[in-house]
């Protein structure tokens, strides 16, 4: 189910391909990680893993709407995989224009190398950065890889790359985002971090948030569809639940919330950081709201894992955390000379 603007034939085919690849996933939290690697390989072979990265860096070179279609579809079925794809696209774009990272970029596009992309000012990032020295902790990354490299957006025009051999990672248990291989990172890069300069870091922050917004709209769409299907098939008082006025109003509200989120994501396209933050916050809140309403529509059955509705709500809440939407909103409201929040220690040199 696509609730955005009309798609052309190619975009419809892409949506169908993604459906075929990811709908066979296991939703059990303990087993999804075992299934993630073949899916990434398949998406990479289809040219969809880094679909939004430019062709000059080995990506798919897709336009904004096609990229949104891919991410919304992934959000519907496997949002953690979509988040890893968002980070891969940004990593390929930033690193692909620097000849020092050819092997890594090739691995990112092929899906064989994971790169976690974070903002040095995010609430879950606690790094001390001084030139090529980088040390500290990142509380969580969700890059669908057991040993990801780390790409830190740092200030207005820089990024810092820390390769996986300077990182100690440990798994972190989460209630949502199955398959993300969520890790906490201990970074000890003494002279081995690599500075990437003269980039528009805010543009990539905006793309990171826009990706999260697309995934959120996909989660909301999936939750609304699950609630509607259940209420159409469940009989109460001689007819389907969806015939009851109160339930019909709830299902309509859920669909409209998901539809509004999808249209906002598509209209965002290449918006600035402020617009991306506003749209992403709204989309994430819609995903949580629709997920909770869908859970209520199923009653006690909503808490059973085989109905998947409870998983949509878990994923929506996890997405808010990994994208640091609320933290980003707070930072945009602060004066330029306000120190970074979230416990991060950042030394600009």
C-alpha atoms as a PDB file:
ATOM      1  CA  UNK A   1       0.000   0.000   0.000  1.00  0.00           C
ATOM      2  CA  UNK A   2       1.472   3.314  -1.169  1.00  0.00           C
ATOM      3  CA  UNK A   3      -0.177   6.473   0.211  1.00  0.00           C
ATOM      4  CA  UNK A   4       1.960   9.043  -1.582  1.00  0.00           C
ATOM      5  CA  UNK A   5       1.688  10.667  -5.029  1.00  0.00           C
ATOM      6  CA  UNK A   6       1.189   8.569  -8.138  1.00  0.00           C
ATOM      7  CA  UNK A   7       4.172   6.446  -9.168  1.00  0.00           C
ATOM      8  CA  UNK A   8       5.429   5.745 -12.649  1.00  0.00           C
ATOM      9  CA  UNK A   9       5.910   2.225 -13.977  1.00  0.00           C
ATOM     10  CA  UNK A  10       9.552   1.983 -12.876  1.00  0.00           C
ATOM     11  CA  UNK A  11       8.781   3.174  -9.363  1.00  0.00           C
ATOM     12  CA  UNK A  12       5.934   0.683  -9.052  1.00  0.00           C
ATOM     13  CA  UNK A  13       8.288  -2.079 -10.177  1.00  0.00           C
ATOM     14  CA  UNK A  14      10.853  -1.024  -7.572  1.00  0.00           C
ATOM     15  CA  UNK A  15       8.202  -1.130  -4.840  1.00  0.00           C
ATOM     16  CA  UNK A  16       7.216  -4.631  -5.956  1.00  0.00           C
ATOM     17  CA  UNK A  17      10.849  -5.760  -5.949  1.00  0.00           C
ATOM     18  CA  UNK A  18      11.337  -4.563  -2.391  1.00  0.00           C
ATOM     19  CA  UNK A  19       8.142  -6.302  -1.333  1.00  0.00           C
ATOM     20  CA  UNK A  20       9.446  -9.548  -2.816  1.00  0.00           C
ATOM     21  CA  UNK A  21      12.811  -9.209  -1.068  1.00  0.00           C
ATOM     22  CA  UNK A  22      11.809  -8.216   2.442  1.00  0.00           C
ATOM     23  CA  UNK A  23       8.329  -9.601   3.151  1.00  0.00           C
ATOM     24  CA  UNK A  24       9.808 -13.030   3.926  1.00  0.00           C
ATOM     25  CA  UNK A  25      11.667 -11.670   6.944  1.00  0.00           C
ATOM     26  CA  UNK A  26      11.269 -13.177  10.379  1.00  0.00           C
ATOM     27  CA  UNK A  27       9.774 -10.686  12.820  1.00  0.00           C
ATOM     28  CA  UNK A  28      11.016 -12.548  15.886  1.00  0.00           C
ATOM     29  CA  UNK A  29      13.494 -10.303  17.674  1.00  0.00           C
ATOM     30  CA  UNK A  30      15.918 -13.141  18.304  1.00  0.00           C
ATOM     31  CA  UNK A  31      16.139 -14.403  14.729  1.00  0.00           C
ATOM     32  CA  UNK A  32      15.939 -11.367  12.444  1.00  0.00           C
ATOM     33  CA  UNK A  33      19.687 -10.735  12.658  1.00  0.00           C
ATOM     34  CA  UNK A  34      20.367 -14.129  11.055  1.00  0.00           C
ATOM     35  CA  UNK A  35      18.330 -13.145   8.009  1.00  0.00           C
ATOM     36  CA  UNK A  36      19.582  -9.614   7.424  1.00  0.00           C
ATOM     37  CA  UNK A  37      22.778 -10.297   5.453  1.00  0.00           C
ATOM     38  CA  UNK A  38      21.153 -12.102   2.478  1.00  0.00           C
ATOM     39  CA  UNK A  39      18.575  -9.307   2.201  1.00  0.00           C
ATOM     40  CA  UNK A  40      21.261  -6.613   2.091  1.00  0.00           C
ATOM     41  CA  UNK A  41      23.143  -8.610  -0.549  1.00  0.00           C
ATOM     42  CA  UNK A  42      19.995  -8.915  -2.661  1.00  0.00           C
ATOM     43  CA  UNK A  43      19.144  -5.217  -2.376  1.00  0.00           C
ATOM     44  CA  UNK A  44      22.724  -4.338  -3.346  1.00  0.00           C
ATOM     45  CA  UNK A  45      22.578  -6.647  -6.369  1.00  0.00           C
ATOM     46  CA  UNK A  46      19.367  -4.909  -7.448  1.00  0.00           C
ATOM     47  CA  UNK A  47      21.060  -1.504  -7.092  1.00  0.00           C
ATOM     48  CA  UNK A  48      18.685  -0.476  -4.297  1.00  0.00           C
ATOM     49  CA  UNK A  49      20.949  -0.513  -1.241  1.00  0.00           C
ATOM     50  CA  UNK A  50      22.518   2.873  -2.030  1.00  0.00           C
ATOM     51  CA  UNK A  51      19.819   3.887  -4.488  1.00  0.00           C
ATOM     52  CA  UNK A  52      19.884   7.578  -3.522  1.00  0.00           C
ATOM     53  CA  UNK A  53      23.659   8.030  -3.727  1.00  0.00           C
ATOM     54  CA  UNK A  54      24.916   9.565  -6.958  1.00  0.00           C
ATOM     55  CA  UNK A  55      26.192   7.378  -9.786  1.00  0.00           C
ATOM     56  CA  UNK A  56      29.578   9.098  -9.577  1.00  0.00           C
ATOM     57  CA  UNK A  57      30.199   7.383  -6.210  1.00  0.00           C
ATOM     58  CA  UNK A  58      28.769   4.027  -7.286  1.00  0.00           C
ATOM     59  CA  UNK A  59      25.211   4.586  -6.064  1.00  0.00           C
ATOM     60  CA  UNK A  60      21.946   4.201  -7.911  1.00  0.00           C
ATOM     61  CA  UNK A  61      21.578   7.876  -8.779  1.00  0.00           C
ATOM     62  CA  UNK A  62      17.818   7.771  -8.166  1.00  0.00           C
ATOM     63  CA  UNK A  63      15.739  10.908  -7.828  1.00  0.00           C
ATOM     64  CA  UNK A  64      14.217  11.935  -4.514  1.00  0.00           C
ATOM     65  CA  UNK A  65      10.789  10.360  -5.133  1.00  0.00           C
ATOM     66  CA  UNK A  66      12.252   7.000  -6.156  1.00  0.00           C
ATOM     67  CA  UNK A  67      14.535   7.038  -3.106  1.00  0.00           C
ATOM     68  CA  UNK A  68      11.526   7.849  -0.914  1.00  0.00           C
ATOM     69  CA  UNK A  69       9.617   4.910  -2.416  1.00  0.00           C
ATOM     70  CA  UNK A  70      12.455   2.551  -1.520  1.00  0.00           C
ATOM     71  CA  UNK A  71      12.717   3.827   2.056  1.00  0.00           C
ATOM     72  CA  UNK A  72       8.966   3.949   2.698  1.00  0.00           C
ATOM     73  CA  UNK A  73       8.645   0.354   1.473  1.00  0.00           C
ATOM     74  CA  UNK A  74      11.529  -0.725   3.696  1.00  0.00           C
ATOM     75  CA  UNK A  75       9.895   1.144   6.575  1.00  0.00           C
ATOM     76  CA  UNK A  76       6.721  -0.847   6.054  1.00  0.00           C
ATOM     77  CA  UNK A  77       8.441  -4.214   6.230  1.00  0.00           C
ATOM     78  CA  UNK A  78      11.873  -3.850   7.828  1.00  0.00           C
ATOM     79  CA  UNK A  79      12.665  -0.340   9.123  1.00  0.00           C
ATOM     80  CA  UNK A  80      16.022  -1.256  10.646  1.00  0.00           C
ATOM     81  CA  UNK A  81      17.196  -2.376   7.214  1.00  0.00           C
ATOM     82  CA  UNK A  82      15.978   0.928   5.805  1.00  0.00           C
ATOM     83  CA  UNK A  83      17.907   2.899   8.428  1.00  0.00           C
ATOM     84  CA  UNK A  84      21.098   1.011   7.562  1.00  0.00           C
ATOM     85  CA  UNK A  85      20.460   1.841   3.892  1.00  0.00           C
ATOM     86  CA  UNK A  86      20.027   5.548   4.706  1.00  0.00           C
ATOM     87  CA  UNK A  87      23.406   5.562   6.451  1.00  0.00           C
ATOM     88  CA  UNK A  88      25.032   3.627   3.612  1.00  0.00           C
ATOM     89  CA  UNK A  89      23.807   6.180   1.066  1.00  0.00           C
ATOM     90  CA  UNK A  90      25.176   9.101   3.068  1.00  0.00           C
ATOM     91  CA  UNK A  91      28.478   7.348   3.732  1.00  0.00           C
ATOM     92  CA  UNK A  92      28.897   6.561   0.027  1.00  0.00           C
ATOM     93  CA  UNK A  93      28.148  10.183  -0.895  1.00  0.00           C
ATOM     94  CA  UNK A  94      30.565  11.710   1.621  1.00  0.00           C
ATOM     95  CA  UNK A  95      33.403   9.223   1.192  1.00  0.00           C
ATOM     96  CA  UNK A  96      32.980   8.553  -2.516  1.00  0.00           C
ATOM     97  CA  UNK A  97      34.426  11.914  -3.584  1.00  0.00           C
ATOM     98  CA  UNK A  98      37.667  11.262  -1.685  1.00  0.00           C
ATOM     99  CA  UNK A  99      40.148   8.903  -3.301  1.00  0.00           C
ATOM    100  CA  UNK A 100      41.376   7.664   0.084  1.00  0.00           C
ATOM    101  CA  UNK A 101      38.289   5.556   0.646  1.00  0.00           C
ATOM    102  CA  UNK A 102      37.787   3.662  -2.612  1.00  0.00           C
ATOM    103  CA  UNK A 103      37.739   0.178  -1.081  1.00  0.00           C
ATOM    104  CA  UNK A 104      35.385   1.193   1.717  1.00  0.00           C
ATOM    105  CA  UNK A 105      32.980   2.939  -0.658  1.00  0.00           C
ATOM    106  CA  UNK A 106      32.910  -0.136  -2.892  1.00  0.00           C
ATOM    107  CA  UNK A 107      32.097  -2.261   0.158  1.00  0.00           C
ATOM    108  CA  UNK A 108      29.359   0.129   1.282  1.00  0.00           C
ATOM    109  CA  UNK A 109      27.691   0.057  -2.140  1.00  0.00           C
ATOM    110  CA  UNK A 110      27.961  -3.735  -2.235  1.00  0.00           C
ATOM    111  CA  UNK A 111      26.469  -3.987   1.251  1.00  0.00           C
ATOM    112  CA  UNK A 112      29.500  -5.838   2.601  1.00  0.00           C
ATOM    113  CA  UNK A 113      30.823  -2.944   4.755  1.00  0.00           C
ATOM    114  CA  UNK A 114      28.664  -1.233   7.368  1.00  0.00           C
ATOM    115  CA  UNK A 115      29.173   2.426   8.275  1.00  0.00           C
ATOM    116  CA  UNK A 116      27.261   4.056  11.117  1.00  0.00           C
ATOM    117  CA  UNK A 117      26.608   7.766  10.507  1.00  0.00           C
ATOM    118  CA  UNK A 118      26.095   9.982  13.576  1.00  0.00           C
ATOM    119  CA  UNK A 119      26.125  13.657  14.521  1.00  0.00           C
ATOM    120  CA  UNK A 120      28.820  14.610  17.036  1.00  0.00           C
ATOM    121  CA  UNK A 121      26.223  16.715  18.913  1.00  0.00           C
ATOM    122  CA  UNK A 122      23.604  13.944  19.176  1.00  0.00           C
ATOM    123  CA  UNK A 123      22.380  12.927  22.618  1.00  0.00           C
ATOM    124  CA  UNK A 124      23.779   9.397  22.293  1.00  0.00           C
ATOM    125  CA  UNK A 125      27.235  10.505  21.081  1.00  0.00           C
ATOM    126  CA  UNK A 126      29.953  11.277  23.649  1.00  0.00           C
ATOM    127  CA  UNK A 127      33.132  11.833  21.682  1.00  0.00           C
ATOM    128  CA  UNK A 128      36.184  13.990  22.163  1.00  0.00           C
ATOM    129  CA  UNK A 129      37.524  15.018  18.776  1.00  0.00           C
ATOM    130  CA  UNK A 130      40.804  16.803  18.186  1.00  0.00           C
ATOM    131  CA  UNK A 131      42.143  16.578  14.665  1.00  0.00           C
ATOM    132  CA  UNK A 132      42.883  12.918  13.958  1.00  0.00           C
ATOM    133  CA  UNK A 133      42.296  11.906  17.583  1.00  0.00           C
ATOM    134  CA  UNK A 134      38.842  10.649  18.425  1.00  0.00           C
ATOM    135  CA  UNK A 135      37.873   8.885  21.629  1.00  0.00           C
ATOM    136  CA  UNK A 136      34.784   8.230  23.684  1.00  0.00           C
ATOM    137  CA  UNK A 137      31.519   6.341  23.470  1.00  0.00           C
ATOM    138  CA  UNK A 138      28.543   6.173  21.156  1.00  0.00           C
ATOM    139  CA  UNK A 139      25.656   4.712  23.137  1.00  0.00           C
ATOM    140  CA  UNK A 140      24.000   3.083  20.139  1.00  0.00           C
ATOM    141  CA  UNK A 141      24.383   2.674  16.409  1.00  0.00           C
ATOM    142  CA  UNK A 142      22.042   0.697  14.158  1.00  0.00           C
ATOM    143  CA  UNK A 143      23.967  -0.042  10.979  1.00  0.00           C
ATOM    144  CA  UNK A 144      23.066  -3.715  10.408  1.00  0.00           C
ATOM    145  CA  UNK A 145      26.673  -4.747  10.949  1.00  0.00           C
ATOM    146  CA  UNK A 146      28.518  -6.327  13.857  1.00  0.00           C
ATOM    147  CA  UNK A 147      31.678  -4.249  13.274  1.00  0.00           C
ATOM    148  CA  UNK A 148      30.716  -0.980  11.629  1.00  0.00           C
ATOM    149  CA  UNK A 149      33.050   1.881  10.872  1.00  0.00           C
ATOM    150  CA  UNK A 150      31.926   5.235  12.255  1.00  0.00           C
ATOM    151  CA  UNK A 151      31.344   8.420  10.241  1.00  0.00           C
ATOM    152  CA  UNK A 152      30.797  11.454  12.477  1.00  0.00           C
ATOM    153  CA  UNK A 153      29.236  14.638  11.105  1.00  0.00           C
ATOM    154  CA  UNK A 154      31.215  17.266  12.979  1.00  0.00           C
ATOM    155  CA  UNK A 155      30.442  20.961  12.796  1.00  0.00           C
ATOM    156  CA  UNK A 156      29.253  22.738   9.661  1.00  0.00           C
ATOM    157  CA  UNK A 157      31.802  21.484   7.152  1.00  0.00           C
ATOM    158  CA  UNK A 158      33.609  18.403   8.445  1.00  0.00           C
ATOM    159  CA  UNK A 159      33.210  14.702   9.021  1.00  0.00           C
ATOM    160  CA  UNK A 160      35.457  12.279  10.899  1.00  0.00           C
ATOM    161  CA  UNK A 161      35.894   8.673   9.795  1.00  0.00           C
ATOM    162  CA  UNK A 162      36.958   6.056  12.328  1.00  0.00           C
ATOM    163  CA  UNK A 163      37.587   2.615  10.867  1.00  0.00           C
ATOM    164  CA  UNK A 164      36.342  -0.491  12.627  1.00  0.00           C
ATOM    165  CA  UNK A 165      39.821  -1.520  13.839  1.00  0.00           C
ATOM    166  CA  UNK A 166      39.801   1.489  16.216  1.00  0.00           C
ATOM    167  CA  UNK A 167      36.379   0.600  17.627  1.00  0.00           C
ATOM    168  CA  UNK A 168      35.311  -1.899  20.251  1.00  0.00           C
ATOM    169  CA  UNK A 169      31.637  -2.728  19.832  1.00  0.00           C
ATOM    170  CA  UNK A 170      29.229  -4.652  22.023  1.00  0.00           C
ATOM    171  CA  UNK A 171      25.621  -5.632  21.350  1.00  0.00           C
ATOM    172  CA  UNK A 172      22.822  -3.624  22.950  1.00  0.00           C
ATOM    173  CA  UNK A 173      19.440  -5.202  23.557  1.00  0.00           C
ATOM    174  CA  UNK A 174      16.530  -3.197  22.135  1.00  0.00           C
ATOM    175  CA  UNK A 175      12.781  -3.661  22.063  1.00  0.00           C
ATOM    176  CA  UNK A 176      12.484  -2.596  18.427  1.00  0.00           C
ATOM    177  CA  UNK A 177      14.495  -2.383  15.204  1.00  0.00           C
ATOM    178  CA  UNK A 178      15.095  -6.120  14.871  1.00  0.00           C
ATOM    179  CA  UNK A 179      17.950  -6.860  12.493  1.00  0.00           C
ATOM    180  CA  UNK A 180      19.827  -3.596  13.088  1.00  0.00           C
ATOM    181  CA  UNK A 181      22.537  -5.362  15.112  1.00  0.00           C
ATOM    182  CA  UNK A 182      22.387  -2.455  17.546  1.00  0.00           C
ATOM    183  CA  UNK A 183      25.804  -1.789  19.061  1.00  0.00           C
ATOM    184  CA  UNK A 184      27.423   0.484  21.613  1.00  0.00           C
ATOM    185  CA  UNK A 185      30.829   1.697  20.412  1.00  0.00           C
ATOM    186  CA  UNK A 186      33.972   2.428  22.405  1.00  0.00           C
ATOM    187  CA  UNK A 187      36.168   4.569  20.167  1.00  0.00           C
ATOM    188  CA  UNK A 188      39.946   4.819  20.678  1.00  0.00           C
ATOM    189  CA  UNK A 189      41.407   6.378  17.545  1.00  0.00           C
ATOM    190  CA  UNK A 190      44.685   8.043  18.485  1.00  0.00           C
ATOM    191  CA  UNK A 191      45.989   9.687  15.333  1.00  0.00           C
ATOM    192  CA  UNK A 192      44.080   7.226  13.139  1.00  0.00           C
ATOM    193  CA  UNK A 193      40.815   9.092  12.618  1.00  0.00           C
ATOM    194  CA  UNK A 194      40.526  10.655   9.173  1.00  0.00           C
ATOM    195  CA  UNK A 195      39.214  14.177   8.642  1.00  0.00           C
ATOM    196  CA  UNK A 196      37.016  14.923   5.646  1.00  0.00           C
ATOM    197  CA  UNK A 197      36.744  18.657   5.074  1.00  0.00           C
ATOM    198  CA  UNK A 198      34.818  21.088   2.881  1.00  0.00           C
ATOM    199  CA  UNK A 199      31.511  19.235   2.986  1.00  0.00           C
ATOM    200  CA  UNK A 200      28.053  20.652   3.641  1.00  0.00           C
ATOM    201  CA  UNK A 201      27.432  18.696   6.839  1.00  0.00           C
ATOM    202  CA  UNK A 202      23.973  20.182   7.391  1.00  0.00           C
ATOM    203  CA  UNK A 203      22.856  18.876   4.002  1.00  0.00           C
ATOM    204  CA  UNK A 204      23.802  15.376   5.076  1.00  0.00           C
ATOM    205  CA  UNK A 205      22.150  15.853   8.465  1.00  0.00           C
ATOM    206  CA  UNK A 206      19.002  16.816   6.563  1.00  0.00           C
ATOM    207  CA  UNK A 207      19.272  13.703   4.396  1.00  0.00           C
ATOM    208  CA  UNK A 208      19.717  11.531   7.468  1.00  0.00           C
ATOM    209  CA  UNK A 209      16.555  12.983   8.993  1.00  0.00           C
ATOM    210  CA  UNK A 210      14.614  12.791   5.725  1.00  0.00           C
ATOM    211  CA  UNK A 211      15.478   9.108   5.565  1.00  0.00           C
ATOM    212  CA  UNK A 212      14.125   8.625   9.078  1.00  0.00           C
ATOM    213  CA  UNK A 213      10.934  10.454   8.075  1.00  0.00           C
ATOM    214  CA  UNK A 214      10.433   8.124   5.109  1.00  0.00           C
ATOM    215  CA  UNK A 215      10.868   5.094   7.355  1.00  0.00           C
ATOM    216  CA  UNK A 216       8.419   6.552   9.889  1.00  0.00           C
ATOM    217  CA  UNK A 217       5.773   7.021   7.211  1.00  0.00           C
ATOM    218  CA  UNK A 218       6.332   3.412   6.152  1.00  0.00           C
ATOM    219  CA  UNK A 219       5.849   2.195   9.730  1.00  0.00           C
ATOM    220  CA  UNK A 220       2.651   4.239  10.049  1.00  0.00           C
ATOM    221  CA  UNK A 221       1.362   2.841   6.737  1.00  0.00           C
ATOM    222  CA  UNK A 222       2.058  -0.732   7.849  1.00  0.00           C
ATOM    223  CA  UNK A 223       0.366  -0.258  11.225  1.00  0.00           C
ATOM    224  CA  UNK A 224      -2.712   1.343   9.646  1.00  0.00           C
ATOM    225  CA  UNK A 225      -2.972  -1.442   7.061  1.00  0.00           C
ATOM    226  CA  UNK A 226      -2.661  -4.145   9.738  1.00  0.00           C
ATOM    227  CA  UNK A 227      -5.419  -2.573  11.844  1.00  0.00           C
ATOM    228  CA  UNK A 228      -7.694  -2.200   8.819  1.00  0.00           C
ATOM    229  CA  UNK A 229      -7.175  -5.810   7.708  1.00  0.00           C
ATOM    230  CA  UNK A 230      -7.899  -7.106  11.195  1.00  0.00           C
ATOM    231  CA  UNK A 231     -11.054  -5.028  11.631  1.00  0.00           C
ATOM    232  CA  UNK A 232     -12.369  -6.064   8.204  1.00  0.00           C
ATOM    233  CA  UNK A 233     -11.989  -9.739   9.076  1.00  0.00           C
ATOM    234  CA  UNK A 234     -13.116  -9.675  12.734  1.00  0.00           C
ATOM    235  CA  UNK A 235     -16.876  -9.842  13.271  1.00  0.00           C
ATOM    236  CA  UNK A 236     -18.651  -8.095  16.138  1.00  0.00           C
ATOM    237  CA  UNK A 237     -22.396  -7.585  16.591  1.00  0.00           C
ATOM    238  CA  UNK A 238     -23.212  -9.374  13.327  1.00  0.00           C
ATOM    239  CA  UNK A 239     -20.706  -7.564  11.094  1.00  0.00           C
ATOM    240  CA  UNK A 240     -17.045  -6.642  10.710  1.00  0.00           C
ATOM    241  CA  UNK A 241     -15.484  -4.410  13.338  1.00  0.00           C
ATOM    242  CA  UNK A 242     -14.779  -1.831  10.658  1.00  0.00           C
ATOM    243  CA  UNK A 243     -18.534  -1.217  10.316  1.00  0.00           C
ATOM    244  CA  UNK A 244     -18.687   0.260  13.814  1.00  0.00           C
ATOM    245  CA  UNK A 245     -18.671   4.057  13.655  1.00  0.00           C
ATOM    246  CA  UNK A 246     -16.030   4.549  16.331  1.00  0.00           C
ATOM    247  CA  UNK A 247     -13.729   1.950  14.780  1.00  0.00           C
ATOM    248  CA  UNK A 248     -14.258   3.319  11.276  1.00  0.00           C
ATOM    249  CA  UNK A 249     -13.332   6.785  12.530  1.00  0.00           C
ATOM    250  CA  UNK A 250     -10.151   5.433  14.162  1.00  0.00           C
ATOM    251  CA  UNK A 251      -9.102   3.533  11.019  1.00  0.00           C
ATOM    252  CA  UNK A 252      -9.726   6.613   8.863  1.00  0.00           C
ATOM    253  CA  UNK A 253      -7.646   8.755  11.201  1.00  0.00           C
ATOM    254  CA  UNK A 254      -4.801   6.228  11.098  1.00  0.00           C
ATOM    255  CA  UNK A 255      -4.792   6.150   7.309  1.00  0.00           C
ATOM    256  CA  UNK A 256      -4.899   9.933   7.033  1.00  0.00           C
ATOM    257  CA  UNK A 257      -2.000  10.251   9.493  1.00  0.00           C
ATOM    258  CA  UNK A 258       0.089   7.812   7.457  1.00  0.00           C
ATOM    259  CA  UNK A 259      -0.899   9.499   4.186  1.00  0.00           C
ATOM    260  CA  UNK A 260      -0.001  12.956   5.470  1.00  0.00           C
ATOM    261  CA  UNK A 261       3.381  11.705   6.669  1.00  0.00           C
ATOM    262  CA  UNK A 262       4.144  10.143   3.278  1.00  0.00           C
ATOM    263  CA  UNK A 263       3.187  13.259   1.310  1.00  0.00           C
ATOM    264  CA  UNK A 264       5.260  15.433   3.667  1.00  0.00           C
ATOM    265  CA  UNK A 265       8.303  13.232   3.099  1.00  0.00           C
ATOM    266  CA  UNK A 266       7.943  13.378  -0.689  1.00  0.00           C
ATOM    267  CA  UNK A 267       7.405  17.150  -0.647  1.00  0.00           C
ATOM    268  CA  UNK A 268      10.536  17.552   1.501  1.00  0.00           C
ATOM    269  CA  UNK A 269      12.796  16.319  -1.321  1.00  0.00           C
ATOM    270  CA  UNK A 270      16.067  18.230  -0.831  1.00  0.00           C
ATOM    271  CA  UNK A 271      14.833  20.511   1.960  1.00  0.00           C
ATOM    272  CA  UNK A 272      17.121  22.269   4.409  1.00  0.00           C
ATOM    273  CA  UNK A 273      17.930  21.035   7.919  1.00  0.00           C
ATOM    274  CA  UNK A 274      15.138  22.989   9.587  1.00  0.00           C
ATOM    275  CA  UNK A 275      12.496  21.617   7.235  1.00  0.00           C
ATOM    276  CA  UNK A 276      13.872  18.083   7.515  1.00  0.00           C
ATOM    277  CA  UNK A 277      13.786  18.263  11.307  1.00  0.00           C
ATOM    278  CA  UNK A 278      10.187  19.483  11.383  1.00  0.00           C
ATOM    279  CA  UNK A 279       8.957  16.872   8.891  1.00  0.00           C
ATOM    280  CA  UNK A 280      10.852  14.056  10.590  1.00  0.00           C
ATOM    281  CA  UNK A 281       9.590  14.922  14.033  1.00  0.00           C
ATOM    282  CA  UNK A 282       6.014  15.059  12.717  1.00  0.00           C
ATOM    283  CA  UNK A 283       6.405  11.759  10.832  1.00  0.00           C
ATOM    284  CA  UNK A 284       7.919   9.961  13.833  1.00  0.00           C
ATOM    285  CA  UNK A 285       5.151  11.228  16.105  1.00  0.00           C
ATOM    286  CA  UNK A 286       2.580  10.068  13.540  1.00  0.00           C
ATOM    287  CA  UNK A 287       4.168   6.607  13.436  1.00  0.00           C
ATOM    288  CA  UNK A 288       3.936   6.290  17.221  1.00  0.00           C
ATOM    289  CA  UNK A 289       0.380   7.639  17.237  1.00  0.00           C
ATOM    290  CA  UNK A 290      -0.812   5.301  14.472  1.00  0.00           C
ATOM    291  CA  UNK A 291       1.025   2.349  16.009  1.00  0.00           C
ATOM    292  CA  UNK A 292      -0.679   2.916  19.360  1.00  0.00           C
ATOM    293  CA  UNK A 293      -4.105   3.328  17.720  1.00  0.00           C
ATOM    294  CA  UNK A 294      -3.602   0.171  15.647  1.00  0.00           C
ATOM    295  CA  UNK A 295      -2.629  -1.741  18.786  1.00  0.00           C
ATOM    296  CA  UNK A 296      -5.808  -0.543  20.481  1.00  0.00           C
ATOM    297  CA  UNK A 297      -7.905  -1.531  17.461  1.00  0.00           C
ATOM    298  CA  UNK A 298      -6.779  -5.143  17.854  1.00  0.00           C
ATOM    299  CA  UNK A 299      -7.421  -5.161  21.593  1.00  0.00           C
ATOM    300  CA  UNK A 300      -5.583  -7.943  23.387  1.00  0.00           C
ATOM    301  CA  UNK A 301      -4.585  -9.545  20.084  1.00  0.00           C
ATOM    302  CA  UNK A 302      -2.459  -6.498  19.336  1.00  0.00           C
ATOM    303  CA  UNK A 303       0.061  -7.630  21.920  1.00  0.00           C
ATOM    304  CA  UNK A 304       0.616 -10.996  20.201  1.00  0.00           C
ATOM    305  CA  UNK A 305       3.758 -11.085  18.063  1.00  0.00           C
ATOM    306  CA  UNK A 306       2.091 -13.008  15.232  1.00  0.00           C
ATOM    307  CA  UNK A 307      -0.086  -9.992  14.442  1.00  0.00           C
ATOM    308  CA  UNK A 308       3.009  -7.742  14.117  1.00  0.00           C
ATOM    309  CA  UNK A 309       1.162  -4.604  15.248  1.00  0.00           C
ATOM    310  CA  UNK A 310       3.075  -4.418  18.516  1.00  0.00           C
ATOM    311  CA  UNK A 311       6.294  -4.588  16.509  1.00  0.00           C
ATOM    312  CA  UNK A 312       5.311  -1.560  14.440  1.00  0.00           C
ATOM    313  CA  UNK A 313       4.891   0.453  17.626  1.00  0.00           C
ATOM    314  CA  UNK A 314       8.232  -0.757  18.957  1.00  0.00           C
ATOM    315  CA  UNK A 315       9.937   0.186  15.717  1.00  0.00           C
ATOM    316  CA  UNK A 316       8.355   3.649  15.730  1.00  0.00           C
ATOM    317  CA  UNK A 317       9.640   4.356  19.236  1.00  0.00           C
ATOM    318  CA  UNK A 318      13.099   3.009  18.396  1.00  0.00           C
ATOM    319  CA  UNK A 319      13.256   5.172  15.279  1.00  0.00           C
ATOM    320  CA  UNK A 320      12.731   8.315  17.343  1.00  0.00           C
ATOM    321  CA  UNK A 321      15.737   7.324  19.442  1.00  0.00           C
ATOM    322  CA  UNK A 322      18.119   6.387  16.637  1.00  0.00           C
ATOM    323  CA  UNK A 323      17.349   9.528  14.616  1.00  0.00           C
ATOM    324  CA  UNK A 324      17.681  11.808  17.693  1.00  0.00           C
ATOM    325  CA  UNK A 325      14.767  13.843  16.359  1.00  0.00           C
ATOM    326  CA  UNK A 326      13.921  15.573  19.621  1.00  0.00           C
ATOM    327  CA  UNK A 327      17.570  16.366  20.316  1.00  0.00           C
ATOM    328  CA  UNK A 328      17.991  17.836  16.849  1.00  0.00           C
ATOM    329  CA  UNK A 329      14.915  20.027  17.350  1.00  0.00           C
ATOM    330  CA  UNK A 330      16.318  21.367  20.630  1.00  0.00           C
ATOM    331  CA  UNK A 331      19.686  22.183  19.068  1.00  0.00           C
ATOM    332  CA  UNK A 332      18.098  24.089  16.193  1.00  0.00           C
ATOM    333  CA  UNK A 333      16.377  26.352  18.713  1.00  0.00           C
ATOM    334  CA  UNK A 334      19.597  27.163  20.564  1.00  0.00           C
ATOM    335  CA  UNK A 335      21.825  30.160  19.811  1.00  0.00           C
ATOM    336  CA  UNK A 336      24.862  29.368  17.696  1.00  0.00           C
ATOM    337  CA  UNK A 337      27.268  29.737  20.638  1.00  0.00           C
ATOM    338  CA  UNK A 338      25.387  27.305  22.910  1.00  0.00           C
ATOM    339  CA  UNK A 339      27.530  24.268  23.853  1.00  0.00           C
ATOM    340  CA  UNK A 340      26.520  20.901  22.402  1.00  0.00           C
ATOM    341  CA  UNK A 341      24.077  18.870  24.452  1.00  0.00           C
ATOM    342  CA  UNK A 342      23.889  15.175  25.174  1.00  0.00           C
ATOM    343  CA  UNK A 343      27.094  14.835  27.145  1.00  0.00           C
ATOM    344  CA  UNK A 344      29.297  15.159  24.065  1.00  0.00           C
ATOM    345  CA  UNK A 345      32.657  16.816  24.516  1.00  0.00           C
ATOM    346  CA  UNK A 346      33.647  18.407  21.226  1.00  0.00           C
ATOM    347  CA  UNK A 347      36.864  20.309  20.753  1.00  0.00           C
ATOM    348  CA  UNK A 348      37.013  22.273  17.510  1.00  0.00           C
ATOM    349  CA  UNK A 349      40.456  22.826  16.100  1.00  0.00           C
END
